[in-house]
Protein backbone atom coordinates (compact mmCIF):
# COMPACT_ATOMS: atom_id res chain seq x y z
CA MET A 1 141.45 130.16 149.62
CA ILE A 2 139.91 127.46 147.40
CA THR A 3 138.74 128.56 143.98
CA LYS A 4 135.79 127.25 142.03
CA ARG A 5 138.12 125.68 139.54
CA GLU A 6 139.75 123.50 142.19
CA ILE A 7 136.36 122.33 143.47
CA PHE A 8 135.28 121.45 139.96
CA ASP A 9 138.51 119.53 139.30
CA LYS A 10 138.08 117.52 142.53
CA LYS A 11 134.46 116.60 141.69
CA SER A 12 135.29 115.55 138.16
CA GLN A 13 138.00 113.18 139.44
CA VAL A 14 135.44 111.07 141.31
CA PRO A 15 133.67 108.85 138.77
CA GLY A 16 129.91 109.24 138.71
CA GLU A 17 129.82 112.08 141.21
CA GLY A 18 129.40 115.69 140.16
CA SER A 19 130.53 115.22 136.61
CA LEU A 20 128.64 117.24 134.03
CA ASP A 21 128.14 114.35 131.63
CA ASN A 22 127.84 110.93 133.29
CA ASN A 23 127.24 109.17 129.97
CA SER A 24 130.37 110.41 128.21
CA ARG A 25 133.33 108.09 127.94
CA ASN A 26 136.70 108.81 126.54
CA ASP A 27 136.87 105.74 124.31
CA ALA A 28 136.53 106.02 120.51
CA LYS A 29 133.20 104.14 120.29
CA SER A 30 131.12 106.85 121.96
CA LYS A 31 132.31 109.85 119.95
CA GLY A 32 129.76 109.62 117.08
CA PHE A 33 127.24 107.55 115.18
CA SER A 34 128.20 104.24 113.70
CA MET A 35 127.88 103.68 109.96
CA ILE A 36 124.91 101.34 110.50
CA GLU A 37 123.04 104.01 112.48
CA VAL A 38 123.63 106.55 109.73
CA VAL A 39 122.42 104.16 106.99
CA VAL A 40 119.31 103.22 108.98
CA GLY A 41 118.56 106.90 109.61
CA ILE A 42 118.93 107.78 105.94
CA ALA A 43 116.68 104.83 104.99
CA LEU A 44 113.96 105.99 107.38
CA VAL A 45 114.09 109.53 106.05
CA GLY A 46 114.01 108.18 102.48
CA VAL A 47 110.88 106.10 103.17
CA ALA A 48 109.15 109.12 104.72
CA LEU A 49 110.06 111.33 101.74
CA LEU A 50 108.81 108.71 99.29
CA GLY A 51 105.42 108.72 101.01
CA LEU A 52 105.31 112.50 100.83
CA ALA A 53 106.26 112.46 97.14
CA GLN A 54 103.40 110.07 96.40
CA LEU A 55 100.95 112.33 98.25
CA PHE A 56 102.26 115.30 96.29
CA CYS A 57 101.68 113.51 92.96
CA LEU A 58 98.16 112.52 93.97
CA SER A 59 97.31 116.06 95.01
CA VAL A 60 98.59 117.45 91.69
CA MET A 61 96.43 114.94 89.77
CA ASN A 62 93.35 115.75 91.87
CA ASN A 63 93.89 119.48 91.36
CA ALA A 64 94.12 119.02 87.59
CA ARG A 65 90.94 116.93 87.56
CA SER A 66 89.01 119.43 89.68
CA ASP A 67 90.26 122.26 87.45
CA ALA A 68 88.88 120.46 84.39
CA MET A 69 85.55 119.87 86.12
CA THR A 70 85.32 123.50 87.20
CA ASN A 71 86.01 124.69 83.66
CA ALA A 72 83.41 122.29 82.26
CA ILE A 73 80.72 123.45 84.69
CA PHE A 74 81.58 127.06 83.90
CA LEU A 75 81.22 126.39 80.16
CA ALA A 76 77.84 124.70 80.68
CA GLN A 77 76.58 127.58 82.82
CA GLN A 78 77.90 130.10 80.29
CA GLN A 79 75.89 128.40 77.53
CA ILE A 80 72.73 128.41 79.65
CA ASP A 81 73.18 132.11 80.41
CA PHE A 82 73.60 132.78 76.68
CA LEU A 83 70.40 130.88 75.89
CA ARG A 84 68.44 132.74 78.57
CA ASN A 85 69.08 136.00 76.70
CA LEU A 86 67.60 134.76 73.41
CA SER A 87 64.08 135.42 72.18
CA ALA A 88 61.46 132.70 71.73
CA ASP A 89 62.01 132.65 67.95
CA GLU A 90 65.77 132.26 68.37
CA LEU A 91 65.29 129.45 70.89
CA HIS A 92 62.86 127.73 68.52
CA ASN A 93 65.39 127.90 65.68
CA LEU A 94 68.14 126.47 67.91
CA SER A 95 65.89 123.65 69.08
CA LEU A 96 65.75 122.16 65.57
CA SER A 97 69.13 120.40 65.99
CA PRO A 98 71.70 120.01 68.79
CA ILE A 99 74.55 122.50 68.99
CA ASP A 100 77.98 120.84 68.90
CA GLU A 101 81.03 122.98 69.69
CA LEU A 102 84.73 122.18 69.93
CA MET A 103 86.43 124.59 72.33
CA ASP A 104 90.05 125.62 72.64
CA ILE A 105 90.15 127.43 75.98
CA ASN A 106 93.79 128.56 76.03
CA SER A 107 94.28 129.16 72.28
CA ASP A 108 97.04 126.59 71.90
CA GLY A 109 95.50 124.82 68.92
CA ILE A 110 94.36 121.80 70.94
CA VAL A 111 90.67 121.12 71.59
CA ASP A 112 90.17 121.26 75.35
CA PHE A 113 86.42 120.65 75.61
CA ARG A 114 83.45 119.59 73.52
CA ARG A 115 80.11 121.17 74.42
CA ILE A 116 76.80 119.72 73.18
CA THR A 117 73.61 121.69 73.76
CA GLN A 118 70.14 120.22 73.29
CA LEU A 119 66.95 122.29 73.30
CA ALA A 120 63.50 120.72 73.24
CA ALA A 121 60.46 122.98 72.82
CA SER A 122 57.48 122.27 75.04
CA GLY A 123 54.88 125.01 74.58
CA PHE A 124 56.28 128.19 76.08
CA TYR A 125 59.09 126.24 77.75
CA TRP A 126 62.35 124.89 76.43
CA ASN A 127 64.11 122.01 78.15
CA VAL A 128 67.81 122.71 77.92
CA ARG A 129 70.57 120.16 78.45
CA VAL A 130 74.22 121.11 78.16
CA MET A 131 76.89 118.41 78.27
CA VAL A 132 80.60 119.19 78.33
CA PHE A 133 83.15 116.49 77.52
CA SER A 134 86.92 116.54 77.52
CA GLY A 135 88.72 117.30 74.27
CA LEU A 136 89.56 113.61 73.92
CA GLN A 137 85.96 113.01 72.83
CA ALA A 138 86.27 115.34 69.81
CA GLN A 139 86.25 112.47 67.31
CA VAL A 140 83.33 110.54 68.84
CA ALA A 141 79.98 110.74 67.06
CA MET A 142 77.60 113.22 68.68
CA ASP A 143 74.76 110.67 68.81
CA ASN A 144 76.93 108.30 70.85
CA LEU A 145 77.81 111.06 73.31
CA ILE A 146 74.16 112.05 73.73
CA ALA A 147 73.00 108.44 74.12
CA SER A 148 75.49 107.48 76.84
CA PRO A 149 77.39 110.44 78.28
CA SER A 150 78.70 108.56 81.32
CA GLU A 151 80.41 106.02 79.05
CA TYR A 152 82.43 108.88 77.55
CA ARG A 153 83.17 110.48 80.94
CA VAL A 154 81.04 113.60 80.73
CA ARG A 155 82.63 116.46 82.72
CA ALA A 156 79.43 118.47 83.19
CA ASP A 157 75.79 117.61 82.50
CA VAL A 158 73.48 120.52 83.33
CA SER A 159 69.75 120.59 82.65
CA THR A 160 67.33 123.49 83.11
CA ILE A 161 64.11 125.03 81.79
CA ILE A 162 63.86 128.35 79.97
CA SER A 163 60.44 129.97 79.67
CA ARG A 164 59.15 132.82 77.46
C-alpha cells in the first residue's frame, strides 16, 4: 500500500509540479532580505514617522492656542456676569475709568492674562467692552491696548449692553 508520505515525496521531486512553494529556491540569495532592502524599508518608515511627529507637534500647538482662547473668553464672560449683578450706582462708579487687571490663573507667580473692562454710560444703559490679552502684554500701556487691540493680539473682545 502507498502512503501519503510517498506520494508527497514523488510530487516534490518533480520541479514545478505539486510542490508547496514554487517560488522557494535552495540557494543562499532567497533566504532573506538584502541589506539594501532593509535600509530602504527603514528609510521609508523613518520618513513616515517624521511626518507623524510634525503633525503631533502642530496639534499640540493648536491645542495650547485654543486653550488660551477658551480661557480668555471665559474670563471676559465672567467679568460681564459680574457686572450684570451690580446696581446702577455701582456701574456708574465703574464707568468713570477703565478697569485693568493682571491675572494669574494657576497661581504660579506669572501673569497669564490681562483683562481690560470699559463701561460707557448711555442713559439707563451701559455699553460694556471686555478685552482679554495674553500675559505678554502686561507691560504695554493700557491706552495702546484699547486703541489697537488687534495689533497686540487680543485673545477675547466681548461687547454687550447692560440695562437698569
